[in-house]
Every structure is written in structure tokens, then in C-alpha cells.
N, C-alpha and C. Protein backbone atom coordinates (compact mmCIF):
# COMPACT_ATOMS: atom_id res chain seq x y z
N MET A 1 -85.82 96.91 -62.70
CA MET A 1 -86.25 97.51 -61.58
C MET A 1 -85.22 98.68 -61.28
N LYS A 2 -84.01 98.53 -61.62
CA LYS A 2 -82.87 99.70 -61.36
C LYS A 2 -83.27 100.79 -62.20
N ILE A 3 -83.71 100.44 -63.31
CA ILE A 3 -83.88 101.64 -64.31
C ILE A 3 -85.08 102.53 -63.61
N TYR A 4 -86.04 101.95 -63.21
CA TYR A 4 -87.13 102.46 -62.67
C TYR A 4 -86.91 103.37 -61.45
N LYS A 5 -86.09 102.84 -60.59
CA LYS A 5 -85.27 103.49 -59.55
C LYS A 5 -84.66 104.65 -59.82
N MET A 6 -83.98 104.62 -60.93
CA MET A 6 -83.03 105.61 -61.45
C MET A 6 -83.87 106.87 -61.99
N LEU A 7 -84.93 106.46 -62.74
CA LEU A 7 -86.03 107.43 -63.36
C LEU A 7 -86.78 108.23 -62.18
N VAL A 8 -87.06 107.43 -61.23
CA VAL A 8 -87.94 107.96 -60.16
C VAL A 8 -87.00 109.06 -59.39
N HIS A 9 -85.73 108.51 -59.06
CA HIS A 9 -84.75 109.53 -58.41
C HIS A 9 -84.47 110.68 -59.15
N TRP A 10 -84.15 110.43 -60.30
CA TRP A 10 -83.72 111.87 -61.30
C TRP A 10 -85.09 112.71 -61.50
N GLY A 11 -86.35 111.93 -61.50
CA GLY A 11 -87.55 112.84 -61.49
C GLY A 11 -87.65 113.64 -60.46
N ILE A 12 -87.57 113.12 -59.23
CA ILE A 12 -87.71 113.88 -57.96
C ILE A 12 -86.40 114.95 -57.78
N MET A 13 -85.21 114.67 -58.35
CA MET A 13 -84.23 115.45 -58.28
C MET A 13 -84.23 116.54 -59.16
N LEU A 14 -84.98 116.50 -60.14
CA LEU A 14 -85.23 117.56 -61.17
C LEU A 14 -86.60 118.42 -60.74
N THR A 15 -87.61 117.86 -60.37
CA THR A 15 -88.83 118.49 -60.06
C THR A 15 -89.00 119.05 -58.76
N VAL A 16 -88.46 118.76 -57.71
CA VAL A 16 -88.59 119.15 -56.49
C VAL A 16 -87.88 120.62 -56.50
N PRO A 17 -86.59 120.62 -56.77
CA PRO A 17 -85.85 122.03 -56.83
C PRO A 17 -86.66 122.98 -57.67
N THR A 18 -87.13 122.58 -58.76
CA THR A 18 -87.90 123.67 -59.84
C THR A 18 -89.06 123.85 -59.13
N ALA A 19 -90.02 123.07 -58.60
CA ALA A 19 -91.15 123.64 -57.78
C ALA A 19 -90.87 124.52 -56.74
N ILE A 20 -89.88 124.27 -56.06
CA ILE A 20 -89.59 125.23 -54.82
C ILE A 20 -88.99 126.35 -55.52
N ALA A 21 -88.29 126.49 -56.45
CA ALA A 21 -87.93 127.68 -56.96
C ALA A 21 -88.93 128.52 -57.57
N LEU A 22 -89.76 127.84 -58.22
CA LEU A 22 -91.05 128.61 -58.75
C LEU A 22 -92.01 129.07 -57.75
N ALA A 23 -92.09 128.27 -56.41
CA ALA A 23 -92.79 128.69 -55.48
C ALA A 23 -92.27 130.01 -54.67
N VAL A 24 -90.98 129.94 -54.43
CA VAL A 24 -90.35 131.10 -53.86
C VAL A 24 -90.08 132.05 -54.52
N PHE A 25 -89.44 132.13 -55.86
CA PHE A 25 -89.17 133.16 -56.59
C PHE A 25 -90.29 133.28 -57.73
N LYS A 26 -91.16 134.05 -57.44
CA LYS A 26 -92.31 134.32 -58.41
C LYS A 26 -91.71 134.92 -59.74
N PRO A 27 -92.12 134.51 -60.77
CA PRO A 27 -91.63 135.16 -62.03
C PRO A 27 -92.36 136.56 -62.05
N GLN A 28 -91.58 137.60 -62.62
CA GLN A 28 -92.14 138.96 -62.70
C GLN A 28 -92.80 139.05 -64.01
N SER A 29 -93.82 139.91 -63.90
CA SER A 29 -94.60 140.42 -65.10
C SER A 29 -93.81 141.18 -65.92
N GLU A 30 -94.26 141.28 -67.08
CA GLU A 30 -93.50 141.91 -68.25
C GLU A 30 -93.41 143.43 -67.96
N ASP A 31 -94.39 144.14 -67.37
CA ASP A 31 -94.40 145.37 -66.79
C ASP A 31 -93.22 145.79 -65.77
N ASP A 32 -93.35 144.62 -64.74
CA ASP A 32 -92.50 144.89 -63.75
C ASP A 32 -90.90 144.59 -64.22
N GLN A 33 -90.64 143.83 -65.21
CA GLN A 33 -89.51 143.63 -65.78
C GLN A 33 -88.92 144.78 -66.44
N ARG A 34 -89.81 145.35 -67.32
CA ARG A 34 -89.44 146.61 -68.01
C ARG A 34 -89.05 147.85 -67.07
N ALA A 35 -89.92 148.04 -66.00
CA ALA A 35 -89.81 148.89 -65.08
C ALA A 35 -88.35 148.72 -64.37
N MET A 36 -88.00 147.54 -64.01
CA MET A 36 -86.79 147.34 -63.27
C MET A 36 -85.72 147.65 -64.37
N LEU A 37 -85.70 147.06 -65.60
CA LEU A 37 -84.64 147.42 -66.46
C LEU A 37 -84.39 148.70 -66.90
N GLU A 38 -85.56 149.50 -67.01
CA GLU A 38 -85.36 150.91 -67.22
C GLU A 38 -84.80 151.66 -66.00
N ALA A 39 -85.10 151.48 -64.91
CA ALA A 39 -84.51 151.99 -63.59
C ALA A 39 -83.06 151.52 -63.63
N LYS A 40 -82.79 150.34 -64.06
CA LYS A 40 -81.30 149.92 -63.86
C LYS A 40 -80.46 150.68 -64.92
N TYR A 41 -80.86 150.85 -66.17
CA TYR A 41 -80.22 151.43 -67.11
C TYR A 41 -80.52 152.85 -67.62
N LYS A 42 -81.17 153.49 -66.59
CA LYS A 42 -81.67 154.65 -66.96
C LYS A 42 -80.45 155.71 -67.13
N ASP A 43 -79.26 155.46 -66.25
CA ASP A 43 -78.15 156.40 -66.36
C ASP A 43 -77.53 156.20 -67.79
N ASP A 44 -77.56 154.90 -68.19
CA ASP A 44 -76.81 154.66 -69.51
C ASP A 44 -77.58 155.17 -70.63
N ILE A 45 -78.90 155.01 -70.57
CA ILE A 45 -79.70 155.78 -71.56
C ILE A 45 -79.45 157.07 -71.64
N ASP A 46 -79.53 157.59 -70.44
CA ASP A 46 -79.37 159.33 -70.60
C ASP A 46 -77.86 159.76 -70.94
N ARG A 47 -76.94 158.94 -70.73
CA ARG A 47 -75.50 159.29 -71.00
C ARG A 47 -75.42 159.07 -72.66
N GLN A 48 -76.18 157.98 -73.00
CA GLN A 48 -76.06 157.79 -74.49
C GLN A 48 -76.78 159.07 -75.20
N ARG A 49 -77.91 159.27 -74.67
CA ARG A 49 -78.45 160.47 -75.40
C ARG A 49 -77.81 161.72 -75.41
N LYS A 50 -77.14 162.08 -74.18
CA LYS A 50 -76.26 163.23 -74.24
C LYS A 50 -75.15 163.09 -75.16
N ASN A 51 -74.33 161.91 -75.17
CA ASN A 51 -73.31 161.70 -76.19
C ASN A 51 -73.73 161.79 -77.64
N ARG A 52 -74.86 161.37 -78.02
CA ARG A 52 -75.45 161.46 -79.35
C ARG A 52 -75.79 162.95 -79.73
N ALA A 53 -76.11 163.78 -78.71
CA ALA A 53 -76.37 165.14 -78.86
C ALA A 53 -75.02 165.94 -79.08
N LYS A 54 -73.98 165.47 -78.28
CA LYS A 54 -72.65 166.04 -78.62
C LYS A 54 -72.22 165.85 -80.05
N ILE A 55 -72.43 164.67 -80.40
CA ILE A 55 -71.70 164.08 -81.73
C ILE A 55 -72.60 164.78 -82.95
N MET A 56 -73.97 164.84 -82.53
CA MET A 56 -74.74 165.53 -83.68
C MET A 56 -74.46 167.11 -83.79
N ASP A 57 -74.05 167.66 -82.60
CA ASP A 57 -73.47 168.94 -82.49
C ASP A 57 -72.45 169.33 -83.17
N LEU A 58 -71.54 168.35 -83.16
CA LEU A 58 -70.08 168.36 -83.85
C LEU A 58 -70.36 168.18 -85.42
N LEU A 59 -71.23 167.40 -85.74
CA LEU A 59 -71.41 166.86 -87.18
C LEU A 59 -72.12 168.03 -87.84
N ARG A 60 -73.38 168.52 -87.15
CA ARG A 60 -74.22 169.41 -87.68
C ARG A 60 -74.38 170.56 -86.77
N PRO A 61 -73.46 171.68 -86.80
CA PRO A 61 -73.59 172.63 -85.90
C PRO A 61 -74.76 173.49 -86.14
N ALA A 62 -75.31 173.63 -84.90
CA ALA A 62 -76.66 174.36 -84.83
C ALA A 62 -76.47 175.89 -85.04
N SER A 63 -75.65 176.39 -84.49
CA SER A 63 -75.56 177.98 -84.56
C SER A 63 -73.89 178.23 -84.68
N ASP A 64 -73.62 179.55 -84.95
CA ASP A 64 -72.23 179.83 -85.24
C ASP A 64 -71.52 180.10 -84.02
N SER A 65 -71.98 179.94 -82.68
CA SER A 65 -71.31 179.69 -81.59
C SER A 65 -71.18 178.25 -81.04
N SER A 66 -71.71 177.32 -81.46
CA SER A 66 -71.66 176.12 -81.24
C SER A 66 -70.21 175.39 -81.26
N GLU A 67 -69.98 174.41 -80.40
CA GLU A 67 -68.68 173.83 -80.43
C GLU A 67 -68.25 173.18 -81.62
N GLY A 68 -69.11 172.59 -82.39
CA GLY A 68 -69.00 172.03 -83.65
C GLY A 68 -68.51 173.14 -84.70
N LYS A 69 -69.15 174.11 -84.73
CA LYS A 69 -68.73 175.20 -85.71
C LYS A 69 -67.67 176.07 -85.41
N VAL A 70 -67.16 175.99 -83.98
CA VAL A 70 -65.92 176.69 -83.82
C VAL A 70 -64.85 175.76 -84.33
N LYS A 71 -64.95 174.42 -83.94
CA LYS A 71 -63.86 173.59 -84.31
C LYS A 71 -63.59 173.44 -85.98
N SER A 72 -64.83 173.52 -86.56
CA SER A 72 -65.01 173.62 -87.94
C SER A 72 -64.12 174.58 -88.54
N ASP A 73 -64.46 175.82 -88.01
CA ASP A 73 -63.87 177.08 -88.42
C ASP A 73 -62.30 177.19 -88.21
N GLU A 74 -61.91 176.28 -86.85
CA GLU A 74 -60.54 176.32 -86.74
C GLU A 74 -59.68 175.55 -87.65
N PHE A 75 -60.37 174.29 -87.98
CA PHE A 75 -59.86 173.50 -89.00
C PHE A 75 -59.80 174.11 -90.33
N THR A 76 -60.75 174.80 -90.70
CA THR A 76 -60.78 175.44 -92.00
C THR A 76 -59.69 176.51 -92.04
N ASP A 77 -59.53 177.34 -91.04
CA ASP A 77 -58.51 178.30 -91.00
C ASP A 77 -57.16 177.70 -91.03
N ARG A 78 -56.74 176.61 -90.29
CA ARG A 78 -55.56 175.97 -90.29
C ARG A 78 -55.23 175.32 -91.65
N VAL A 79 -56.37 174.88 -92.43
CA VAL A 79 -56.00 174.15 -93.69
C VAL A 79 -55.97 175.03 -94.86
N MET A 80 -56.96 175.97 -94.92
CA MET A 80 -57.11 176.81 -96.13
C MET A 80 -56.29 178.04 -96.17
N ARG A 81 -56.23 178.61 -94.84
CA ARG A 81 -55.45 179.89 -94.94
C ARG A 81 -54.01 179.79 -94.14
N GLY A 82 -53.75 178.61 -93.90
CA GLY A 82 -52.56 178.45 -93.25
C GLY A 82 -51.18 178.69 -94.20
N ASP A 83 -50.10 178.22 -93.69
CA ASP A 83 -48.92 178.30 -94.66
C ASP A 83 -49.01 177.57 -95.85
N PRO A 84 -48.78 178.05 -96.97
CA PRO A 84 -48.90 177.13 -98.15
C PRO A 84 -48.03 176.20 -98.20
N ALA A 85 -46.84 176.09 -97.45
CA ALA A 85 -45.89 174.95 -97.51
C ALA A 85 -46.64 173.69 -96.73
N THR A 86 -47.29 173.98 -95.86
CA THR A 86 -47.90 172.97 -94.97
C THR A 86 -49.43 172.57 -95.40
N ARG A 87 -49.95 173.24 -96.55
CA ARG A 87 -51.25 172.92 -97.07
C ARG A 87 -51.31 171.41 -97.61
N PRO A 88 -52.28 170.71 -97.46
CA PRO A 88 -52.41 169.47 -98.23
C PRO A 88 -52.46 169.63 -99.46
N GLU A 89 -52.26 168.48 -100.36
CA GLU A 89 -52.32 168.55 -101.97
C GLU A 89 -53.56 168.92 -102.29
N TRP A 90 -54.68 168.33 -101.68
CA TRP A 90 -56.15 168.44 -102.21
C TRP A 90 -56.48 169.90 -101.93
N VAL A 91 -55.91 170.52 -101.13
CA VAL A 91 -56.21 172.05 -100.88
C VAL A 91 -55.52 173.04 -102.12
N LYS A 92 -54.33 172.62 -102.44
CA LYS A 92 -53.67 173.33 -103.43
C LYS A 92 -54.38 173.43 -104.86
N ARG A 93 -55.18 172.34 -104.90
CA ARG A 93 -55.99 172.37 -106.21
C ARG A 93 -56.96 173.53 -106.47
N PHE A 94 -57.45 174.04 -105.30
CA PHE A 94 -58.45 175.09 -105.35
C PHE A 94 -57.83 176.40 -105.39
N GLU A 95 -56.56 176.63 -105.43
CA GLU A 95 -56.06 178.06 -105.47
C GLU A 95 -55.88 178.65 -106.85
């Protein structure tokens, strides 16, 4: 008899709060969840796109005036045309 009381007790303890939670807090549809998450992380997504564009500009300069091209030219000038004493060994092979 004690086992049945325990089973009934735990059954009520688990089902009643679950039923109340499902009645009070309605689950959202997939579209609502997607819209909520997109609104929440919109700034992060925009920042990531902007950072990716900056990185791609540095890796593949789009024009002669872009930041990546300027930095690349500065590095080339410093390494290839700089003081011969400070040039790296791999540059000296091309002289």
C-alpha cells in the first residue's frame, strides 16, 4: 500500500506542475522562435558580417586605395626595399 501511495504522490508531484507550466507558458511556434532569435542576435550577425568584410578586404584588396592594399604596400616597402642589413634571409635570395 505504501508503494501505491508513493507512486500516486510522485505522479501528482510531476504531472501537476507540468500541466500548469504548459497551460501558462504556451510553446512558441517555429516561426515565432526564429523571429525572436533573429531579433536577439541581429546586432551580432551584422557585426560578424562587417568584420568578415574587413578581413576579406585585408586579404584580398579590392582597389589600390583600400586598407589592405595600403598595408600590403607598406609591408612590401619595408621588407623588400628597406635596409639590406635588416632584410629577412628569404628576401636576400631574390637579390
